[in-house]
Amino acid sequence: MRALQKLVRNGNSTQVTIPRPALFWLGWLPGEAVILEVLENKSLLIRRPASDEFMPNRAKTVVLDRELPYTP
């Protein structure tokens, strides 16, 4: 699908409207979070975030060896 859209000023930001048929085809809902990426070739990539992008990085589990040698 291809649609010619205008950039619209909205306060201090600018928005572009995604047509309803495109939203239905993508399975996206209004109010849903998306990630906007600016690529090196000056194009935009808009995608849903993956679940692991928002999860905190867990610290590695430290296992202490109880059989350490005793050194006086």
N, C-alpha and C. Protein backbone atom coordinates (compact mmCIF):
# COMPACT_ATOMS: atom_id res chain seq x y z
N MET A 1 0.85 -1.17 0.00
CA MET A 1 0.00 0.00 0.00
C MET A 1 0.90 1.23 0.00
N ARG A 2 0.49 2.21 -0.71
CA ARG A 2 1.23 3.47 -0.76
C ARG A 2 0.22 4.60 -0.64
N ALA A 3 0.53 5.60 0.20
CA ALA A 3 -0.36 6.74 0.38
C ALA A 3 0.49 8.00 0.49
N LEU A 4 0.08 9.04 -0.18
CA LEU A 4 0.76 10.33 -0.10
C LEU A 4 0.15 11.08 1.08
N GLN A 5 0.95 11.36 2.09
CA GLN A 5 0.50 12.02 3.31
C GLN A 5 1.25 13.32 3.49
N LYS A 6 0.67 14.25 4.24
CA LYS A 6 1.32 15.51 4.58
C LYS A 6 1.87 15.44 5.99
N LEU A 7 2.95 16.18 6.22
CA LEU A 7 3.44 16.38 7.58
C LEU A 7 2.61 17.50 8.20
N VAL A 8 2.10 17.27 9.41
CA VAL A 8 1.21 18.21 10.07
C VAL A 8 1.86 18.68 11.35
N ARG A 9 1.87 19.99 11.56
CA ARG A 9 2.43 20.57 12.78
C ARG A 9 1.45 20.34 13.92
N ASN A 10 1.97 19.86 15.06
CA ASN A 10 1.15 19.59 16.23
C ASN A 10 1.93 20.02 17.46
N GLY A 11 1.80 21.28 17.87
CA GLY A 11 2.58 21.81 19.00
C GLY A 11 4.03 21.92 18.61
N ASN A 12 4.92 21.34 19.41
CA ASN A 12 6.36 21.37 19.12
C ASN A 12 6.81 20.17 18.30
N SER A 13 5.89 19.36 17.85
CA SER A 13 6.27 18.18 17.05
C SER A 13 5.52 18.20 15.72
N THR A 14 5.90 17.28 14.88
CA THR A 14 5.25 17.13 13.57
C THR A 14 4.78 15.70 13.47
N GLN A 15 3.62 15.50 12.90
CA GLN A 15 3.06 14.15 12.82
C GLN A 15 2.70 13.81 11.39
N VAL A 16 2.62 12.53 11.12
CA VAL A 16 2.12 12.00 9.86
C VAL A 16 1.02 11.00 10.22
N THR A 17 -0.03 10.99 9.44
CA THR A 17 -1.16 10.12 9.72
C THR A 17 -1.00 8.79 8.99
N ILE A 18 -1.27 7.70 9.70
CA ILE A 18 -1.28 6.37 9.09
C ILE A 18 -2.72 6.06 8.72
N PRO A 19 -3.00 5.81 7.45
CA PRO A 19 -4.40 5.54 7.04
C PRO A 19 -4.97 4.31 7.74
N ARG A 20 -6.28 4.33 7.97
CA ARG A 20 -6.95 3.22 8.67
C ARG A 20 -6.74 1.88 8.01
N PRO A 21 -6.82 1.77 6.67
CA PRO A 21 -6.59 0.45 6.06
C PRO A 21 -5.19 -0.10 6.37
N ALA A 22 -4.19 0.78 6.45
CA ALA A 22 -2.84 0.33 6.78
C ALA A 22 -2.78 -0.15 8.22
N LEU A 23 -3.45 0.56 9.13
CA LEU A 23 -3.49 0.13 10.54
C LEU A 23 -4.15 -1.23 10.67
N PHE A 24 -5.25 -1.43 9.97
CA PHE A 24 -5.96 -2.72 10.03
C PHE A 24 -5.08 -3.84 9.49
N TRP A 25 -4.42 -3.58 8.37
CA TRP A 25 -3.57 -4.60 7.75
C TRP A 25 -2.41 -4.97 8.67
N LEU A 26 -1.81 -3.96 9.35
CA LEU A 26 -0.70 -4.21 10.27
C LEU A 26 -1.15 -4.83 11.59
N GLY A 27 -2.42 -4.67 11.92
CA GLY A 27 -2.90 -5.16 13.21
C GLY A 27 -2.55 -4.22 14.35
N TRP A 28 -2.31 -2.95 14.03
CA TRP A 28 -1.96 -1.95 15.04
C TRP A 28 -3.23 -1.28 15.54
N LEU A 29 -3.17 -0.81 16.79
CA LEU A 29 -4.30 -0.10 17.39
C LEU A 29 -3.88 1.33 17.74
N PRO A 30 -4.79 2.29 17.65
CA PRO A 30 -4.45 3.65 18.09
C PRO A 30 -4.05 3.65 19.56
N GLY A 31 -3.00 4.39 19.90
CA GLY A 31 -2.51 4.44 21.27
C GLY A 31 -1.44 3.42 21.57
N GLU A 32 -1.20 2.51 20.64
CA GLU A 32 -0.18 1.48 20.82
C GLU A 32 1.22 2.08 20.69
N ALA A 33 2.18 1.58 21.44
CA ALA A 33 3.56 2.08 21.39
C ALA A 33 4.24 1.59 20.12
N VAL A 34 5.01 2.47 19.50
CA VAL A 34 5.82 2.12 18.33
C VAL A 34 7.20 2.74 18.51
N ILE A 35 8.17 2.22 17.79
CA ILE A 35 9.53 2.76 17.80
C ILE A 35 9.78 3.38 16.44
N LEU A 36 10.28 4.62 16.46
CA LEU A 36 10.64 5.33 15.24
C LEU A 36 12.15 5.36 15.15
N GLU A 37 12.71 4.81 14.07
CA GLU A 37 14.15 4.79 13.88
C GLU A 37 14.49 5.61 12.63
N VAL A 38 15.50 6.48 12.75
CA VAL A 38 16.01 7.22 11.61
C VAL A 38 17.24 6.46 11.11
N LEU A 39 17.20 6.04 9.85
CA LEU A 39 18.27 5.24 9.28
C LEU A 39 19.31 6.12 8.59
N GLU A 40 20.46 5.55 8.29
CA GLU A 40 21.56 6.29 7.70
C GLU A 40 21.23 6.85 6.32
N ASN A 41 20.33 6.22 5.60
CA ASN A 41 19.97 6.71 4.27
C ASN A 41 18.84 7.74 4.33
N LYS A 42 18.63 8.34 5.51
CA LYS A 42 17.64 9.39 5.76
C LYS A 42 16.20 8.91 5.53
N SER A 43 15.95 7.66 5.83
CA SER A 43 14.59 7.13 5.79
C SER A 43 14.15 6.78 7.21
N LEU A 44 12.86 6.58 7.38
CA LEU A 44 12.29 6.26 8.69
C LEU A 44 11.83 4.81 8.70
N LEU A 45 12.01 4.17 9.85
CA LEU A 45 11.50 2.83 10.07
C LEU A 45 10.62 2.91 11.31
N ILE A 46 9.35 2.55 11.17
CA ILE A 46 8.41 2.54 12.29
C ILE A 46 8.02 1.09 12.52
N ARG A 47 8.20 0.63 13.76
CA ARG A 47 7.92 -0.77 14.07
C ARG A 47 7.41 -0.91 15.49
N ARG A 48 6.81 -2.05 15.75
CA ARG A 48 6.42 -2.39 17.12
C ARG A 48 7.66 -2.73 17.92
N PRO A 49 7.69 -2.38 19.19
CA PRO A 49 8.84 -2.78 20.00
C PRO A 49 8.79 -4.26 20.34
N ALA A 50 9.96 -4.87 20.43
CA ALA A 50 10.05 -6.27 20.87
C ALA A 50 10.00 -6.29 22.40
N SER A 51 9.54 -7.38 22.95
CA SER A 51 9.37 -7.46 24.41
C SER A 51 10.69 -7.36 25.15
N ASP A 52 11.79 -7.82 24.55
CA ASP A 52 13.07 -7.78 25.26
C ASP A 52 13.72 -6.40 25.24
N GLU A 53 13.16 -5.44 24.51
CA GLU A 53 13.74 -4.10 24.48
C GLU A 53 13.43 -3.29 25.72
N PHE A 54 12.41 -3.67 26.47
CA PHE A 54 12.03 -2.92 27.65
C PHE A 54 12.31 -3.66 28.95
N MET A 55 12.72 -4.91 28.86
CA MET A 55 13.02 -5.67 30.07
C MET A 55 14.38 -5.24 30.61
N PRO A 56 14.50 -5.08 31.92
CA PRO A 56 15.81 -4.72 32.46
C PRO A 56 16.80 -5.87 32.28
N ASN A 57 18.05 -5.51 32.06
CA ASN A 57 19.09 -6.53 31.94
C ASN A 57 19.35 -7.11 33.32
N ARG A 58 19.21 -8.40 33.44
CA ARG A 58 19.44 -9.04 34.73
C ARG A 58 20.93 -9.23 34.96
N ALA A 59 21.30 -9.08 36.20
CA ALA A 59 22.70 -9.31 36.56
C ALA A 59 23.00 -10.80 36.49
N LYS A 60 24.22 -11.11 36.15
CA LYS A 60 24.62 -12.51 36.09
C LYS A 60 24.62 -13.09 37.50
N THR A 61 24.17 -14.30 37.63
CA THR A 61 24.14 -14.96 38.92
C THR A 61 25.55 -15.37 39.32
N VAL A 62 25.92 -15.00 40.55
CA VAL A 62 27.24 -15.36 41.06
C VAL A 62 27.09 -16.61 41.92
N VAL A 63 27.83 -17.63 41.58
CA VAL A 63 27.79 -18.88 42.34
C VAL A 63 29.08 -18.97 43.14
N LEU A 64 28.93 -19.02 44.45
CA LEU A 64 30.10 -19.13 45.33
C LEU A 64 30.41 -20.59 45.56
N ASP A 65 31.65 -20.95 45.39
CA ASP A 65 32.08 -22.32 45.60
C ASP A 65 32.40 -22.51 47.09
N ARG A 66 31.68 -23.38 47.75
CA ARG A 66 31.88 -23.60 49.18
C ARG A 66 33.14 -24.42 49.46
N GLU A 67 33.72 -25.00 48.48
CA GLU A 67 34.88 -25.84 48.64
C GLU A 67 36.18 -25.07 48.36
N LEU A 68 36.21 -23.78 48.64
CA LEU A 68 37.42 -23.00 48.40
C LEU A 68 38.54 -23.46 49.35
N PRO A 69 39.76 -23.47 48.89
CA PRO A 69 40.85 -23.88 49.79
C PRO A 69 41.08 -22.82 50.88
N TYR A 70 41.42 -23.29 52.05
CA TYR A 70 41.67 -22.40 53.17
C TYR A 70 43.14 -22.01 53.16
N THR A 71 43.41 -20.70 53.19
CA THR A 71 44.81 -20.23 53.25
C THR A 71 44.94 -19.34 54.47
N PRO A 72 45.72 -19.78 55.46
CA PRO A 72 45.87 -18.98 56.70
C PRO A 72 46.80 -17.81 56.52
